[in-house]
Amino acid sequence: MRKAVVAGSFDPITNGHLDIIERSSELFDEVIVVLSHNV
């Protein structure tokens, strides 16, 4: 099983962020999206 991690603050989330997540889901069996907090 191939896994990927997509990490970022996504503040605000953009179509580019969504595109990266969607493309990752086509290439990997599991995609974990990690949200961080902008300080």
N, C-alpha and C. Protein backbone atom coordinates (compact mmCIF):
# COMPACT_ATOMS: atom_id res chain seq x y z
N MET A 1 0.84 -1.17 0.00
CA MET A 1 0.00 0.00 0.00
C MET A 1 0.89 1.25 0.00
N ARG A 2 0.63 2.14 -0.93
CA ARG A 2 1.40 3.38 -1.04
C ARG A 2 0.62 4.51 -0.37
N LYS A 3 1.32 5.23 0.51
CA LYS A 3 0.70 6.33 1.24
C LYS A 3 1.42 7.63 0.93
N ALA A 4 0.68 8.73 1.01
CA ALA A 4 1.25 10.06 0.82
C ALA A 4 0.76 10.97 1.93
N VAL A 5 1.58 11.95 2.26
CA VAL A 5 1.20 12.97 3.23
C VAL A 5 1.26 14.32 2.54
N VAL A 6 0.16 15.06 2.62
CA VAL A 6 0.10 16.42 2.09
C VAL A 6 -0.09 17.33 3.29
N ALA A 7 0.92 18.15 3.58
CA ALA A 7 0.87 19.00 4.77
C ALA A 7 0.88 20.47 4.39
N GLY A 8 0.20 21.27 5.19
CA GLY A 8 0.20 22.71 4.96
C GLY A 8 -0.75 23.42 5.88
N SER A 9 -0.70 24.76 5.84
CA SER A 9 -1.64 25.53 6.65
C SER A 9 -2.95 25.73 5.90
N PHE A 10 -2.89 25.73 4.57
CA PHE A 10 -4.09 25.86 3.73
C PHE A 10 -4.97 27.01 4.20
N ASP A 11 -4.34 28.16 4.44
CA ASP A 11 -5.06 29.30 5.02
C ASP A 11 -5.00 30.50 4.09
N PRO A 12 -5.96 30.66 3.24
CA PRO A 12 -7.16 29.86 3.01
C PRO A 12 -6.87 28.74 2.02
N ILE A 13 -7.71 27.73 2.01
CA ILE A 13 -7.55 26.65 1.05
C ILE A 13 -7.90 27.19 -0.34
N THR A 14 -7.10 26.82 -1.33
CA THR A 14 -7.29 27.31 -2.69
C THR A 14 -7.55 26.14 -3.63
N ASN A 15 -7.92 26.46 -4.86
CA ASN A 15 -8.10 25.41 -5.86
C ASN A 15 -6.79 24.67 -6.12
N GLY A 16 -5.66 25.35 -5.98
CA GLY A 16 -4.36 24.70 -6.13
C GLY A 16 -4.12 23.64 -5.07
N HIS A 17 -4.48 23.96 -3.83
CA HIS A 17 -4.37 22.98 -2.74
C HIS A 17 -5.23 21.76 -3.04
N LEU A 18 -6.47 22.02 -3.44
CA LEU A 18 -7.39 20.91 -3.74
C LEU A 18 -6.88 20.07 -4.90
N ASP A 19 -6.25 20.72 -5.88
CA ASP A 19 -5.70 20.01 -7.03
C ASP A 19 -4.58 19.06 -6.61
N ILE A 20 -3.70 19.54 -5.74
CA ILE A 20 -2.60 18.69 -5.25
C ILE A 20 -3.15 17.48 -4.50
N ILE A 21 -4.15 17.70 -3.66
CA ILE A 21 -4.74 16.59 -2.90
C ILE A 21 -5.42 15.61 -3.84
N GLU A 22 -6.16 16.13 -4.82
CA GLU A 22 -6.86 15.26 -5.77
C GLU A 22 -5.87 14.45 -6.61
N ARG A 23 -4.82 15.09 -7.10
CA ARG A 23 -3.81 14.36 -7.89
C ARG A 23 -3.12 13.30 -7.06
N SER A 24 -2.86 13.62 -5.80
CA SER A 24 -2.23 12.65 -4.91
C SER A 24 -3.11 11.43 -4.72
N SER A 25 -4.42 11.66 -4.63
CA SER A 25 -5.34 10.53 -4.43
C SER A 25 -5.39 9.61 -5.64
N GLU A 26 -5.04 10.13 -6.82
CA GLU A 26 -5.00 9.29 -8.02
C GLU A 26 -3.72 8.46 -8.09
N LEU A 27 -2.66 8.94 -7.43
CA LEU A 27 -1.36 8.27 -7.50
C LEU A 27 -1.11 7.31 -6.33
N PHE A 28 -1.76 7.56 -5.19
CA PHE A 28 -1.49 6.79 -3.98
C PHE A 28 -2.76 6.11 -3.49
N ASP A 29 -2.56 5.02 -2.73
CA ASP A 29 -3.69 4.28 -2.17
C ASP A 29 -4.34 5.03 -1.02
N GLU A 30 -3.53 5.77 -0.27
CA GLU A 30 -4.04 6.52 0.88
C GLU A 30 -3.34 7.87 0.92
N VAL A 31 -4.11 8.92 1.15
CA VAL A 31 -3.56 10.27 1.27
C VAL A 31 -3.96 10.83 2.63
N ILE A 32 -2.97 11.24 3.38
CA ILE A 32 -3.20 11.84 4.69
C ILE A 32 -2.96 13.34 4.55
N VAL A 33 -3.97 14.14 4.88
CA VAL A 33 -3.86 15.59 4.81
C VAL A 33 -3.63 16.11 6.22
N VAL A 34 -2.50 16.80 6.41
CA VAL A 34 -2.13 17.32 7.72
C VAL A 34 -2.29 18.84 7.70
N LEU A 35 -3.11 19.35 8.61
CA LEU A 35 -3.33 20.80 8.71
C LEU A 35 -2.47 21.36 9.82
N SER A 36 -1.75 22.44 9.52
CA SER A 36 -0.97 23.11 10.55
C SER A 36 -1.58 24.48 10.82
N HIS A 37 -1.18 25.07 11.90
CA HIS A 37 -1.73 26.36 12.33
C HIS A 37 -0.71 27.45 12.01
N ASN A 38 -1.15 28.49 11.32
CA ASN A 38 -0.31 29.65 11.07
C ASN A 38 -0.28 30.52 12.31
N VAL A 39 0.90 30.84 12.77
CA VAL A 39 1.02 31.67 13.97
C VAL A 39 1.46 33.06 13.58
